[in-house]
C-alpha atoms as a PDB file:
ATOM      1  CA  MET A   1       5.731 -24.365   5.544  1.00  0.00           C
ATOM      2  CA  VAL A   2       3.931 -21.211   4.682  1.00  0.00           C
ATOM      3  CA  ALA A   3       3.556 -22.160   1.012  1.00  0.00           C
ATOM      4  CA  GLY A   4       1.554 -25.228   2.062  1.00  0.00           C
ATOM      5  CA  LEU A   5      -0.977 -22.996   3.809  1.00  0.00           C
ATOM      6  CA  LEU A   6      -2.009 -20.953   0.888  1.00  0.00           C
ATOM      7  CA  ALA A   7      -5.794 -20.838   0.398  1.00  0.00           C
ATOM      8  CA  VAL A   8      -7.543 -19.694  -2.807  1.00  0.00           C
ATOM      9  CA  VAL A   9     -10.779 -17.965  -1.909  1.00  0.00           C
ATOM     10  CA  LEU A  10     -13.362 -16.900  -4.523  1.00  0.00           C
ATOM     11  CA  GLY A  11     -14.698 -13.404  -4.271  1.00  0.00           C
ATOM     12  CA  VAL A  12     -18.330 -12.435  -4.185  1.00  0.00           C
ATOM     13  CA  THR A  13     -19.995 -10.772  -7.072  1.00  0.00           C
ATOM     14  CA  ALA A  14     -20.356  -7.040  -6.620  1.00  0.00           C
ATOM     15  CA  LEU A  15     -19.714  -3.708  -8.361  1.00  0.00           C
ATOM     16  CA  GLU A  16     -16.003  -3.440  -9.217  1.00  0.00           C
ATOM     17  CA  ALA A  17     -13.651  -0.579 -10.223  1.00  0.00           C
ATOM     18  CA  PRO A  18     -13.614   0.266 -13.936  1.00  0.00           C
ATOM     19  CA  ALA A  19     -10.899  -1.441 -15.876  1.00  0.00           C
ATOM     20  CA  VAL A  20      -7.780   0.656 -16.559  1.00  0.00           C
ATOM     21  CA  ALA A  21      -7.314   1.851 -20.145  1.00  0.00           C
ATOM     22  CA  GLY A  22      -4.881  -0.375 -22.011  1.00  0.00           C
ATOM     23  CA  GLN A  23      -5.060  -3.094 -19.280  1.00  0.00           C
ATOM     24  CA  ARG A  24      -3.779  -6.356 -20.459  1.00  0.00           C
ATOM     25  CA  VAL A  25      -3.193  -9.805 -18.982  1.00  0.00           C
ATOM     26  CA  LYS A  26      -2.332  -9.539 -15.307  1.00  0.00           C
ATOM     27  CA  ASN A  27       1.286 -10.357 -14.321  1.00  0.00           C
ATOM     28  CA  THR A  28       0.977 -13.539 -12.370  1.00  0.00           C
ATOM     29  CA  TYR A  29       4.202 -13.230 -10.322  1.00  0.00           C
ATOM     30  CA  ASP A  30       3.411 -12.470  -6.652  1.00  0.00           C
ATOM     31  CA  GLY A  31       6.595 -11.791  -4.841  1.00  0.00           C
ATOM     32  CA  ALA A  32       4.919 -10.526  -1.713  1.00  0.00           C
ATOM     33  CA  GLN A  33       4.491 -13.916  -0.217  1.00  0.00           C
ATOM     34  CA  LYS A  34       8.196 -14.662  -0.536  1.00  0.00           C
ATOM     35  CA  VAL A  35       9.191 -11.131   0.582  1.00  0.00           C
ATOM     36  CA  LEU A  36       6.968 -11.231   3.647  1.00  0.00           C
ATOM     37  CA  ALA A  37       7.554 -14.928   4.556  1.00  0.00           C
ATOM     38  CA  PRO A  38       9.056 -14.144   8.038  1.00  0.00           C
ATOM     39  CA  CYS A  39       5.920 -12.076   8.910  1.00  0.00           C
ATOM     40  CA  ILE A  40       3.606 -14.730   7.524  1.00  0.00           C
ATOM     41  CA  ALA A  41       5.466 -17.399   9.555  1.00  0.00           C
ATOM     42  CA  LEU A  42       5.008 -15.393  12.698  1.00  0.00           C
ATOM     43  CA  ALA A  43       1.262 -15.015  11.989  1.00  0.00           C
ATOM     44  CA  MET A  44       1.016 -18.697  11.592  1.00  0.00           C
ATOM     45  CA  GLN A  45       3.010 -19.325  14.787  1.00  0.00           C
ATOM     46  CA  GLN A  46       0.711 -17.081  16.726  1.00  0.00           C
ATOM     47  CA  GLU A  47      -2.388 -18.624  15.156  1.00  0.00           C
ATOM     48  CA  SER A  48      -3.706 -15.195  14.454  1.00  0.00           C
ATOM     49  CA  PRO A  49      -7.408 -15.231  13.231  1.00  0.00           C
ATOM     50  CA  GLU A  50      -7.009 -11.947  11.234  1.00  0.00           C
ATOM     51  CA  TRP A  51      -3.674 -10.565  10.150  1.00  0.00           C
ATOM     52  CA  VAL A  52      -1.980  -8.223   7.623  1.00  0.00           C
ATOM     53  CA  CYS A  53       1.714  -8.363   6.721  1.00  0.00           C
ATOM     54  CA  THR A  54       3.642  -5.413   5.216  1.00  0.00           C
ATOM     55  CA  SER A  55       7.364  -4.641   5.116  1.00  0.00           C
ATOM     56  CA  ALA A  56       6.863  -2.872   8.518  1.00  0.00           C
ATOM     57  CA  GLY A  57       5.587  -6.021  10.247  1.00  0.00           C
ATOM     58  CA  LEU A  58       2.567  -7.971  11.467  1.00  0.00           C
ATOM     59  CA  THR A  59      -0.783  -6.511  12.288  1.00  0.00           C
ATOM     60  CA  SER A  60      -2.877  -9.054  14.150  1.00  0.00           C
ATOM     61  CA  THR A  61      -6.573  -8.818  15.193  1.00  0.00           C
ATOM     62  CA  ARG A  62      -8.352 -10.924  17.747  1.00  0.00           C
ATOM     63  CA  ARG A  63     -12.041 -10.515  18.864  1.00  0.00           C
ATOM     64  CA  ASP A  64     -13.466 -11.311  22.167  1.00  0.00           C
ATOM     65  CA  ALA A  65     -16.836 -13.081  22.892  1.00  0.00           C
ATOM     66  CA  HIS A  66     -18.684  -9.854  22.116  1.00  0.00           C
ATOM     67  CA  GLY A  67     -16.909  -9.254  18.806  1.00  0.00           C
ATOM     68  CA  THR A  68     -14.796  -6.456  20.109  1.00  0.00           C
ATOM     69  CA  PRO A  69     -11.588  -6.348  18.219  1.00  0.00           C
ATOM     70  CA  THR A  70      -8.035  -5.982  19.749  1.00  0.00           C
ATOM     71  CA  THR A  71      -5.303  -5.167  17.333  1.00  0.00           C
ATOM     72  CA  THR A  72      -1.530  -5.502  18.026  1.00  0.00           C
ATOM     73  CA  PHE A  73       1.419  -4.688  15.857  1.00  0.00           C
ATOM     74  CA  THR A  74       4.801  -6.638  15.847  1.00  0.00           C
ATOM     75  CA  PRO A  75       7.732  -5.220  13.736  1.00  0.00           C
ATOM     76  CA  VAL A  76       9.081  -7.890  11.373  1.00  0.00           C
ATOM     77  CA  ALA A  77      11.770  -7.156   8.843  1.00  0.00           C
ATOM     78  CA  ALA A  78      10.945  -8.190   5.272  1.00  0.00           C
ATOM     79  CA  THR A  79      13.379 -10.331   3.251  1.00  0.00           C
ATOM     80  CA  THR A  80      14.637  -9.815  -0.296  1.00  0.00           C
ATOM     81  CA  VAL A  81      14.178 -12.323  -3.005  1.00  0.00           C
ATOM     82  CA  PRO A  82      15.546 -12.470  -6.565  1.00  0.00           C
ATOM     83  CA  ALA A  83      13.523 -10.346  -9.025  1.00  0.00           C
ATOM     84  CA  PRO A  84      11.595 -12.123 -11.789  1.00  0.00           C
ATOM     85  CA  ASP A  85      12.448 -11.600 -15.403  1.00  0.00           C
ATOM     86  CA  PRO A  86      11.130  -8.252 -16.706  1.00  0.00           C
ATOM     87  CA  VAL A  87       7.602  -8.510 -17.997  1.00  0.00           C
ATOM     88  CA  SER A  88       5.949  -5.751 -20.077  1.00  0.00           C
ATOM     89  CA  VAL A  89       2.310  -5.723 -18.848  1.00  0.00           C
ATOM     90  CA  LEU A  90       1.368  -2.058 -18.969  1.00  0.00           C
ATOM     91  CA  ALA A  91       2.901   1.163 -20.271  1.00  0.00           C
ATOM     92  CA  ASP A  92       4.288   1.557 -16.811  1.00  0.00           C
ATOM     93  CA  ASP A  93       5.882  -1.117 -14.553  1.00  0.00           C
ATOM     94  CA  TYR A  94       3.723  -0.711 -11.427  1.00  0.00           C
ATOM     95  CA  ASP A  95       2.705  -4.358 -11.350  1.00  0.00           C
ATOM     96  CA  THR A  96       6.297  -5.732 -11.663  1.00  0.00           C
ATOM     97  CA  TRP A  97       8.460  -3.026 -10.002  1.00  0.00           C
ATOM     98  CA  CYS A  98       9.310  -3.755  -6.371  1.00  0.00           C
ATOM     99  CA  GLU A  99       7.795  -7.265  -6.286  1.00  0.00           C
ATOM    100  CA  SER A 100      10.957  -8.580  -4.709  1.00  0.00           C
ATOM    101  CA  SER A 101      11.369  -6.293  -1.679  1.00  0.00           C
ATOM    102  CA  GLY A 102       9.079  -4.871   1.010  1.00  0.00           C
ATOM    103  CA  THR A 103       8.720  -1.173   0.328  1.00  0.00           C
ATOM    104  CA  CYS A 104      10.530   0.800  -2.382  1.00  0.00           C
ATOM    105  CA  HIS A 105      11.057   4.488  -3.214  1.00  0.00           C
ATOM    106  CA  ARG A 106      12.319   6.006  -6.446  1.00  0.00           C
ATOM    107  CA  ILE A 107      12.747   9.387  -8.024  1.00  0.00           C
ATOM    108  CA  ILE A 108      11.711   9.344 -11.725  1.00  0.00           C
ATOM    109  CA  ASP A 109      12.714  12.735 -13.075  1.00  0.00           C
ATOM    110  CA  ALA A 110      16.087  14.587 -13.099  1.00  0.00           C
ATOM    111  CA  GLN A 111      14.741  17.716 -11.459  1.00  0.00           C
ATOM    112  CA  ARG A 112      13.537  15.710  -8.402  1.00  0.00           C
ATOM    113  CA  TYR A 113       9.963  16.762  -8.593  1.00  0.00           C
ATOM    114  CA  ILE A 114       8.395  13.346  -9.018  1.00  0.00           C
ATOM    115  CA  GLY A 115       8.780  10.403  -6.763  1.00  0.00           C
ATOM    116  CA  GLU A 116       6.949   7.041  -6.307  1.00  0.00           C
ATOM    117  CA  THR A 117       6.591   4.647  -3.474  1.00  0.00           C
ATOM    118  CA  LYS A 118       5.354   0.994  -3.641  1.00  0.00           C
ATOM    119  CA  GLY A 119       4.372  -1.312  -0.810  1.00  0.00           C
ATOM    120  CA  ASN A 120       3.321  -4.893  -0.853  1.00  0.00           C
ATOM    121  CA  ALA A 121       0.763  -6.353   1.510  1.00  0.00           C
ATOM    122  CA  THR A 122      -0.366  -9.871   2.175  1.00  0.00           C
ATOM    123  CA  TYR A 123      -3.288 -10.884   4.546  1.00  0.00           C
ATOM    124  CA  GLY A 124      -4.755 -14.050   5.904  1.00  0.00           C
ATOM    125  CA  ASP A 125      -6.225 -15.939   8.934  1.00  0.00           C
ATOM    126  CA  SER A 126      -5.194 -18.846  11.112  1.00  0.00           C
ATOM    127  CA  GLY A 127      -5.451 -21.107   8.030  1.00  0.00           C
ATOM    128  CA  GLY A 128      -2.819 -19.260   6.084  1.00  0.00           C
ATOM    129  CA  VAL A 129      -2.584 -16.646   3.294  1.00  0.00           C
ATOM    130  CA  ILE A 130      -5.804 -15.484   1.769  1.00  0.00           C
ATOM    131  CA  GLY A 131      -4.575 -12.822  -0.666  1.00  0.00           C
ATOM    132  CA  SER A 132      -2.231 -10.006  -1.493  1.00  0.00           C
ATOM    133  CA  PHE A 133      -2.128  -6.607  -3.229  1.00  0.00           C
ATOM    134  CA  ASP A 134       0.055  -3.641  -3.997  1.00  0.00           C
ATOM    135  CA  VAL A 135      -0.169   0.148  -3.324  1.00  0.00           C
ATOM    136  CA  ILE A 136       1.744   2.656  -5.311  1.00  0.00           C
ATOM    137  CA  ILE A 137       1.790   6.328  -4.421  1.00  0.00           C
ATOM    138  CA  ARG A 138       3.003   8.837  -7.023  1.00  0.00           C
ATOM    139  CA  ASN A 139       3.857  12.369  -5.803  1.00  0.00           C
ATOM    140  CA  SER A 140       4.265  15.041  -8.452  1.00  0.00           C
ATOM    141  CA  LEU A 141       5.412  18.059  -6.604  1.00  0.00           C
ATOM    142  CA  GLN A 142       3.906  21.429  -7.736  1.00  0.00           C
ATOM    143  CA  GLY A 143       5.745  24.336  -6.186  1.00  0.00           C
ATOM    144  CA  ARG A 144       5.158  24.221  -2.452  1.00  0.00           C
ATOM    145  CA  ARG A 145       2.554  21.507  -2.466  1.00  0.00           C
ATOM    146  CA  GLY A 146       2.273  17.796  -3.113  1.00  0.00           C
ATOM    147  CA  ARG A 147       0.072  16.209  -5.887  1.00  0.00           C
ATOM    148  CA  TRP A 148      -0.654  12.607  -5.257  1.00  0.00           C
ATOM    149  CA  THR A 149      -2.165   9.696  -7.139  1.00  0.00           C
ATOM    150  CA  VAL A 150      -2.633   6.141  -5.689  1.00  0.00           C
ATOM    151  CA  SER A 151      -2.792   2.952  -7.614  1.00  0.00           C
ATOM    152  CA  LEU A 152      -4.192  -0.300  -6.044  1.00  0.00           C
ATOM    153  CA  ILE A 153      -3.151  -3.603  -7.746  1.00  0.00           C
ATOM    154  CA  TRP A 154      -4.835  -6.970  -6.948  1.00  0.00           C
ATOM    155  CA  ASP A 155      -2.286  -9.830  -6.923  1.00  0.00           C
ATOM    156  CA  TYR A 156      -4.019 -12.873  -5.474  1.00  0.00           C
ATOM    157  CA  GLY A 157      -7.108 -13.941  -3.573  1.00  0.00           C
ATOM    158  CA  PRO A 158     -10.783 -12.728  -3.343  1.00  0.00           C
ATOM    159  CA  SER A 159     -11.976  -9.364  -4.586  1.00  0.00           C
ATOM    160  CA  LEU A 160     -11.092  -6.362  -2.379  1.00  0.00           C
ATOM    161  CA  THR A 161     -13.339  -3.458  -1.429  1.00  0.00           C
ATOM    162  CA  PHE A 162     -11.573  -0.413  -0.077  1.00  0.00           C
ATOM    163  CA  SER A 163     -13.109   2.110   2.387  1.00  0.00           C
ATOM    164  CA  ASP A 164     -12.054   4.952   4.701  1.00  0.00           C
ATOM    165  CA  SER A 165      -9.111   5.735   2.445  1.00  0.00           C
ATOM    166  CA  TRP A 166      -7.039   8.880   2.394  1.00  0.00           C
ATOM    167  CA  ILE A 167      -3.657  10.443   1.970  1.00  0.00           C
ATOM    168  CA  ASN A 168      -2.314  12.278   4.967  1.00  0.00           C
ATOM    169  CA  CYS A 169       0.419  14.981   4.658  1.00  0.00           C
ATOM    170  CA  TYR A 170       2.908  15.322   7.462  1.00  0.00           C
ATOM    171  CA  GLU A 171       5.506  17.913   8.319  1.00  0.00           C
ATOM    172  CA  VAL A 172       8.561  16.398  10.101  1.00  0.00           C
ATOM    173  CA  ILE A 173       9.109  17.733  13.548  1.00  0.00           C
ATOM    174  CA  ASP A 174      12.345  16.900  15.388  1.00  0.00           C
ATOM    175  CA  ASN A 175      11.897  15.244  18.708  1.00  0.00           C
ATOM    176  CA  TRP A 176       8.132  15.638  18.602  1.00  0.00           C
ATOM    177  CA  PRO A 177       5.204  13.970  16.784  1.00  0.00           C
ATOM    178  CA  ASP A 178       5.082  15.011  13.105  1.00  0.00           C
ATOM    179  CA  ALA A 179       2.498  17.777  12.333  1.00  0.00           C
ATOM    180  CA  ASP A 180      -0.549  17.199  10.176  1.00  0.00           C
ATOM    181  CA  CYS A 181      -0.479  19.197   6.974  1.00  0.00           C
ATOM    182  CA  GLY A 182      -3.695  17.979   5.384  1.00  0.00           C
ATOM    183  CA  ASP A 183      -5.994  15.073   4.877  1.00  0.00           C
ATOM    184  CA  HIS A 184      -7.198  14.091   1.388  1.00  0.00           C
ATOM    185  CA  ALA A 185     -10.003  11.574   0.952  1.00  0.00           C
ATOM    186  CA  LEU A 186      -9.981   8.842  -1.706  1.00  0.00           C
ATOM    187  CA  TYR A 187     -12.857   6.646  -2.915  1.00  0.00           C
ATOM    188  CA  PRO A 188     -11.387   3.423  -4.394  1.00  0.00           C
ATOM    189  CA  GLY A 189     -13.659   0.899  -6.088  1.00  0.00           C
ATOM    190  CA  ARG A 190     -13.236  -2.847  -5.896  1.00  0.00           C
ATOM    191  CA  ILE A 191     -10.332  -4.718  -7.418  1.00  0.00           C
ATOM    192  CA  SER A 192     -10.353  -8.391  -8.386  1.00  0.00           C
ATOM    193  CA  GLY A 193      -8.840 -10.854 -10.711  1.00  0.00           C
ATOM    194  CA  THR A 194     -11.003  -9.456 -13.510  1.00  0.00           C
ATOM    195  CA  ASN A 195     -10.535  -5.675 -12.849  1.00  0.00           C
ATOM    196  CA  TRP A 196      -7.180  -5.808 -11.126  1.00  0.00           C
ATOM    197  CA  ARG A 197      -6.143  -2.195 -10.971  1.00  0.00           C
ATOM    198  CA  TRP A 198      -7.528   1.062  -9.792  1.00  0.00           C
ATOM    199  CA  ASN A 199      -6.035   4.460 -10.258  1.00  0.00           C
ATOM    200  CA  SER A 200      -7.122   7.400  -8.270  1.00  0.00           C
ATOM    201  CA  PRO A 201      -7.672  10.995  -9.513  1.00  0.00           C
ATOM    202  CA  THR A 202      -5.071  13.511  -8.599  1.00  0.00           C
ATOM    203  CA  LEU A 203      -5.135  14.826  -5.047  1.00  0.00           C
ATOM    204  CA  TYR A 204      -3.861  18.299  -4.469  1.00  0.00           C
ATOM    205  CA  GLY A 205      -2.066  19.083  -1.205  1.00  0.00           C
ATOM    206  CA  ASN A 206      -2.118  22.183   0.936  1.00  0.00           C
ATOM    207  CA  PHE A 207       0.368  25.057   0.461  1.00  0.00           C
ATOM    208  CA  LEU A 208       3.466  24.304   2.628  1.00  0.00           C
ATOM    209  CA  VAL A 209       4.820  27.334   4.263  1.00  0.00           C
ATOM    210  CA  ASN A 210       7.394  26.038   6.748  1.00  0.00           C
ATOM    211  CA  PRO A 211      10.943  25.246   5.494  1.00  0.00           C
ATOM    212  CA  LYS A 212      10.860  21.625   6.575  1.00  0.00           C
ATOM    213  CA  PRO A 213      10.907  18.071   5.219  1.00  0.00           C
ATOM    214  CA  TYR A 214       7.502  16.520   4.579  1.00  0.00           C
ATOM    215  CA  TYR A 215       6.082  13.170   3.577  1.00  0.00           C
ATOM    216  CA  ALA A 216       2.633  11.626   2.798  1.00  0.00           C
ATOM    217  CA  ALA A 217       1.056   8.403   4.112  1.00  0.00           C
ATOM    218  CA  PHE A 218      -1.699   6.319   2.483  1.00  0.00           C
ATOM    219  CA  ASN A 219      -4.261   4.802   4.920  1.00  0.00           C
ATOM    220  CA  THR A 220      -7.158   2.480   4.082  1.00  0.00           C
ATOM    221  CA  ASP A 221      -9.468  -0.204   5.335  1.00  0.00           C
ATOM    222  CA  PHE A 222     -10.123  -3.133   2.998  1.00  0.00           C
ATOM    223  CA  THR A 223     -12.553  -6.078   2.999  1.00  0.00           C
ATOM    224  CA  PRO A 224     -11.785  -9.248   1.164  1.00  0.00           C
ATOM    225  CA  GLY A 225     -14.877 -10.868  -0.334  1.00  0.00           C
ATOM    226  CA  GLY A 226     -16.408 -13.210   2.303  1.00  0.00           C
ATOM    227  CA  TYR A 227     -14.172 -11.888   5.170  1.00  0.00           C
ATOM    228  CA  SER A 228     -14.267  -9.063   7.736  1.00  0.00           C
ATOM    229  CA  VAL A 229     -12.756  -5.616   7.215  1.00  0.00           C
ATOM    230  CA  ARG A 230      -9.152  -5.076   7.905  1.00  0.00           C
ATOM    231  CA  ALA A 231      -6.895  -2.029   8.352  1.00  0.00           C
ATOM    232  CA  LEU A 232      -3.743  -1.583   6.269  1.00  0.00           C
ATOM    233  CA  PRO A 233      -0.878  -0.022   8.088  1.00  0.00           C
ATOM    234  CA  ALA A 234       0.078   3.361   6.725  1.00  0.00           C
ATOM    235  CA  LEU A 235       2.252   3.353   3.663  1.00  0.00           C
ATOM    236  CA  GLU A 236       4.697   6.308   3.896  1.00  0.00           C
ATOM    237  CA  THR A 237       6.345   8.032   0.958  1.00  0.00           C
ATOM    238  CA  ALA A 238       9.947   9.165   0.864  1.00  0.00           C
ATOM    239  CA  ARG A 239      10.463  12.597   2.401  1.00  0.00           C
ATOM    240  CA  PHE A 240      10.542  15.644   0.227  1.00  0.00           C
ATOM    241  CA  LYS A 241      12.106  18.973   1.250  1.00  0.00           C
ATOM    242  CA  CYS A 242      10.534  22.413   1.053  1.00  0.00           C
ATOM    243  CA  TYR A 243      13.397  24.630   2.107  1.00  0.00           C
ATOM    244  CA  GLY A 244      14.075  28.316   1.450  1.00  0.00           C
ATOM    245  CA  SER A 245      11.254  30.759   1.042  1.00  0.00           C
ATOM    246  CA  THR A 246       7.637  30.041  -0.072  1.00  0.00           C
ATOM    247  CA  ALA A 247       8.781  30.946  -3.616  1.00  0.00           C
ATOM    248  CA  ASP A 248      11.192  28.000  -3.724  1.00  0.00           C
ATOM    249  CA  PRO A 249       9.827  24.690  -4.937  1.00  0.00           C
ATOM    250  CA  CYS A 250       9.837  21.453  -2.917  1.00  0.00           C
ATOM    251  CA  LYS A 251      12.051  18.596  -4.136  1.00  0.00           C
ATOM    252  CA  PHE A 252      12.968  15.175  -3.288  1.00  0.00           C
END
């Protein structure tokens, strides 16, 4: 069973992200391992030496004798598990919301100008699960542009160092690859059991001229303490619509 393969790995000492103001005791419920159990089981079946599971599926990396990596992706549907009892940890609910499903989207204001997306990720090796963490993207639309913040929450395992992180804006194109509408770099710190949450500054998107649907995607590499770097599959937000003229605001 997957639960029997869990491995607790201690992180190395290093500079970590600053603690969040008002940060209290970490919520200890980690629903990702239950939600992503089918993906984890597939990783164990394949004896993958490096893997990441999200609600999209399994990303597996193998290296040849020269250390050259080959990465494959296999779609695997996430499951749904009963939600835990509500726990008030922070002024917001980022640590407890959407711990019982793979990826969630919600609109949090009546005018449909603010939306949030949360994704859960679990990673490991051929010995089992090493750790897990959450990503939350908040999009506060401002006229014809997006404004994004990203929160990273450590759930389990060694400390995590994030690198090569950015928000990518996309314009939806029917029957063709979606068009790039801006890359916006992020510089996360390290999260761990001690400093378990990192919040980004606000990123301001480009002015969106075309009357089209749009969305954003968060991309990052991460390195668990004592392990090699891994790539997180892109976490995509819900689509927002910028119809009408350039004087009309975008909405979810």
